[in-house]
Amino acid sequence: MPNPDPTLDQQIQFARHNFENHQALIRFADTKAAAIITIVIFLGASGLQIAKEATHSLNFDTHAGLAVSIVFICSCVTFLLAFAWCLVRVEMTLMPRAGHTHQPQAGRDILWQDHVLVHSSDQQYFDAVKKADSELLLRNLTDQIFELAHISRAKMVNIQQSRRASLWAAASWIVNMISALILLRWK
């Protein structure tokens, strides 16, 4: 039969587990953002040379040449816009953020870096941690978990947007490569 009233120690253990899960999600989001922008940069770099050559082969003399040239130009512009969109979203994913914390007070707040630095010395901080009861430790953990949840959610929203931008970049890259190859064959 489950214990209806968990002990404070069990609550702290749960909070630490929750804290570690949020940190893992945040690290995962940062890693995923780096992978997404790396892929988009690779696509841009791999397509740059063929796109440069294809611009010399733009053909506006025939209807077919005009159509392929317009598709090529539109795919170049779309790729650049998707790349910029992806870059902004990745930057928003990676940038540090904190904003839901209250003004730290020495002795009460002991977990965040600003909480540590509000104490005038390492000895004062040591004394604050030593004097903290289990309830205060739980309060500091849950405050940080609440902040990490906001950070994690913001990162996940930006990852979703950067993923969408990278899909647009990949699709425009494919169209760009095909249209560039057609233009180069007409040369």
Protein backbone atom coordinates (compact mmCIF):
# COMPACT_ATOMS: atom_id res chain seq x y z
CA MET A 1 0.00 0.00 0.00
CA PRO A 2 1.50 3.38 -0.98
CA ASN A 3 2.46 5.83 1.70
CA PRO A 4 -0.09 8.71 1.53
CA ASP A 5 2.27 11.21 3.19
CA PRO A 6 5.77 11.17 1.75
CA THR A 7 8.54 12.30 4.05
CA LEU A 8 10.38 15.52 3.44
CA ASP A 9 13.41 13.47 2.42
CA GLN A 10 11.31 11.67 -0.21
CA GLN A 11 10.03 15.01 -1.47
CA ILE A 12 13.59 16.31 -1.78
CA GLN A 13 14.60 13.13 -3.64
CA PHE A 14 11.68 13.59 -6.01
CA ALA A 15 12.58 17.26 -6.54
CA ARG A 16 16.21 16.34 -7.31
CA HIS A 17 15.03 13.73 -9.81
CA ASN A 18 12.76 16.31 -11.43
CA PHE A 19 15.62 18.85 -11.43
CA GLU A 20 17.94 16.37 -13.20
CA ASN A 21 15.26 15.56 -15.78
CA HIS A 22 14.79 19.25 -16.62
CA GLN A 23 18.54 19.77 -16.90
CA ALA A 24 18.79 16.77 -19.25
CA LEU A 25 15.98 18.19 -21.42
CA ILE A 26 17.74 21.54 -21.59
CA ARG A 27 21.06 19.95 -22.57
CA PHE A 28 19.25 17.85 -25.18
CA ALA A 29 17.60 20.96 -26.66
CA ASP A 30 20.96 22.74 -26.87
CA THR A 31 22.56 19.73 -28.56
CA LYS A 32 19.68 19.36 -30.98
CA ALA A 33 19.86 23.07 -31.87
CA ALA A 34 23.57 22.72 -32.62
CA ALA A 35 22.90 19.69 -34.83
CA ILE A 36 20.11 21.45 -36.73
CA ILE A 37 22.19 24.53 -37.53
CA THR A 38 25.16 22.33 -38.51
CA ILE A 39 22.99 20.47 -41.03
CA VAL A 40 21.60 23.71 -42.49
CA ILE A 41 25.11 25.20 -42.77
CA PHE A 42 26.27 21.99 -44.50
CA LEU A 43 23.41 22.27 -46.98
CA GLY A 44 24.26 25.89 -47.68
CA ALA A 45 27.96 25.21 -48.11
CA SER A 46 27.38 22.17 -50.32
CA GLY A 47 24.99 24.08 -52.56
CA LEU A 48 27.00 27.28 -52.81
CA GLN A 49 29.39 26.23 -55.57
CA ILE A 50 26.76 24.73 -57.86
CA ALA A 51 24.49 27.74 -57.27
CA LYS A 52 27.33 30.11 -58.23
CA GLU A 53 27.89 28.21 -61.47
CA ALA A 54 24.18 28.03 -62.22
CA THR A 55 23.73 31.80 -61.91
CA HIS A 56 25.93 32.16 -65.02
CA SER A 57 23.56 29.83 -66.87
CA LEU A 58 20.29 31.61 -66.09
CA ASN A 59 18.15 31.50 -69.21
CA PHE A 60 15.40 34.03 -69.82
CA ASP A 61 15.14 33.47 -73.60
CA THR A 62 12.70 30.55 -73.63
CA HIS A 63 9.62 29.78 -71.56
CA ALA A 64 11.23 26.66 -70.12
CA GLY A 65 14.46 28.52 -69.37
CA LEU A 66 12.52 31.34 -67.73
CA ALA A 67 10.53 28.89 -65.60
CA VAL A 68 13.62 26.99 -64.42
CA SER A 69 15.49 30.26 -63.78
CA ILE A 70 12.61 31.61 -61.68
CA VAL A 71 12.40 28.33 -59.72
CA PHE A 72 16.17 28.48 -59.16
CA ILE A 73 16.07 32.10 -57.93
CA CYS A 74 13.04 31.45 -55.71
CA SER A 75 14.70 28.39 -54.18
CA CYS A 76 17.84 30.43 -53.45
CA VAL A 77 15.80 33.14 -51.74
CA THR A 78 13.73 30.56 -49.84
CA PHE A 79 16.88 28.82 -48.63
CA LEU A 80 18.37 32.10 -47.42
CA LEU A 81 15.16 33.02 -45.58
CA ALA A 82 14.91 29.55 -44.02
CA PHE A 83 18.57 29.72 -43.02
CA ALA A 84 18.03 33.09 -41.33
CA TRP A 85 14.86 31.82 -39.61
CA CYS A 86 16.71 28.73 -38.40
CA LEU A 87 19.67 30.79 -37.18
CA VAL A 88 17.42 33.10 -35.16
CA ARG A 89 15.54 30.17 -33.61
CA VAL A 90 18.74 28.31 -32.76
CA GLU A 91 20.12 31.47 -31.15
CA MET A 92 16.92 31.82 -29.13
CA THR A 93 17.29 28.18 -28.06
CA LEU A 94 20.89 28.56 -26.96
CA MET A 95 20.71 31.94 -25.25
CA PRO A 96 20.64 31.79 -21.47
CA ARG A 97 17.50 33.00 -19.81
CA ALA A 98 16.16 33.37 -16.33
CA GLY A 99 13.36 35.58 -15.29
CA HIS A 100 10.97 33.91 -12.95
CA THR A 101 13.13 34.15 -9.87
CA HIS A 102 12.51 36.67 -7.13
CA GLN A 103 15.01 39.07 -5.56
CA PRO A 104 17.45 36.80 -3.68
CA GLN A 105 17.83 37.11 0.07
CA ALA A 106 20.88 35.93 2.00
CA GLY A 107 20.09 32.90 4.13
CA ARG A 108 16.82 32.10 2.36
CA ASP A 109 17.97 31.63 -1.24
CA ILE A 110 20.96 29.33 -1.61
CA LEU A 111 20.77 27.50 -4.94
CA TRP A 112 21.13 29.83 -7.97
CA GLN A 113 24.40 31.61 -8.74
CA ASP A 114 22.84 34.97 -7.88
CA HIS A 115 21.64 33.45 -4.61
CA VAL A 116 25.16 32.32 -3.78
CA LEU A 117 26.66 35.68 -4.69
CA VAL A 118 24.22 37.65 -2.52
CA HIS A 119 26.18 36.29 0.45
CA SER A 120 29.16 38.50 1.22
CA SER A 121 31.69 35.66 1.63
CA ASP A 122 32.12 31.97 1.17
CA GLN A 123 31.87 31.55 4.93
CA GLN A 124 28.54 33.37 5.04
CA TYR A 125 27.24 31.15 2.24
CA PHE A 126 28.53 28.03 4.04
CA ASP A 127 26.73 29.13 7.21
CA ALA A 128 23.50 29.73 5.27
CA VAL A 129 23.60 26.25 3.74
CA LYS A 130 24.52 24.66 7.06
CA LYS A 131 21.60 26.38 8.83
CA ALA A 132 19.08 25.53 6.10
CA ASP A 133 16.48 23.03 7.20
CA SER A 134 15.04 20.36 4.90
CA GLU A 135 12.02 22.49 4.06
CA LEU A 136 14.21 25.40 2.92
CA LEU A 137 16.30 23.01 0.82
CA LEU A 138 13.10 21.66 -0.76
CA ARG A 139 11.89 25.23 -1.38
CA ASN A 140 15.14 26.15 -3.16
CA LEU A 141 14.99 23.00 -5.28
CA THR A 142 11.38 23.55 -6.29
CA ASP A 143 12.09 27.21 -7.12
CA GLN A 144 14.86 26.11 -9.43
CA ILE A 145 12.76 23.34 -10.98
CA PHE A 146 10.04 25.90 -11.71
CA GLU A 147 12.62 28.12 -13.44
CA LEU A 148 14.10 25.20 -15.36
CA ALA A 149 10.62 24.21 -16.55
CA HIS A 150 10.16 27.68 -18.08
CA ILE A 151 13.59 27.48 -19.72
CA SER A 152 12.94 23.97 -21.03
CA ARG A 153 9.57 24.93 -22.50
CA ALA A 154 11.03 27.99 -24.25
CA LYS A 155 13.86 25.90 -25.67
CA MET A 156 11.47 23.21 -26.93
CA VAL A 157 9.29 25.80 -28.70
CA ASN A 158 12.36 27.26 -30.39
CA ILE A 159 13.66 23.80 -31.33
CA GLN A 160 10.33 23.03 -32.96
CA GLN A 161 10.54 26.28 -34.95
CA SER A 162 14.18 25.71 -35.93
CA ARG A 163 13.30 22.19 -37.05
CA ARG A 164 10.51 23.60 -39.21
CA ALA A 165 12.94 26.15 -40.67
CA SER A 166 15.51 23.44 -41.37
CA LEU A 167 12.89 21.41 -43.26
CA TRP A 168 12.13 24.47 -45.39
CA ALA A 169 15.87 24.90 -45.96
CA ALA A 170 16.27 21.25 -46.98
CA ALA A 171 13.31 21.37 -49.35
CA SER A 172 14.52 24.57 -50.98
CA TRP A 173 18.05 23.10 -51.21
CA ILE A 174 16.70 20.08 -53.10
CA VAL A 175 14.73 22.28 -55.50
CA ASN A 176 17.77 24.53 -55.87
CA MET A 177 20.08 21.62 -56.73
CA ILE A 178 17.67 20.18 -59.28
CA SER A 179 17.03 23.51 -60.98
CA ALA A 180 20.75 24.35 -60.92
CA LEU A 181 21.62 21.04 -62.59
CA ILE A 182 18.98 21.65 -65.27
CA LEU A 183 20.39 25.13 -65.90
CA LEU A 184 23.94 23.79 -66.12
CA ARG A 185 22.88 21.14 -68.68
CA TRP A 186 21.49 23.90 -70.93
CA LYS A 187 24.84 25.66 -70.91
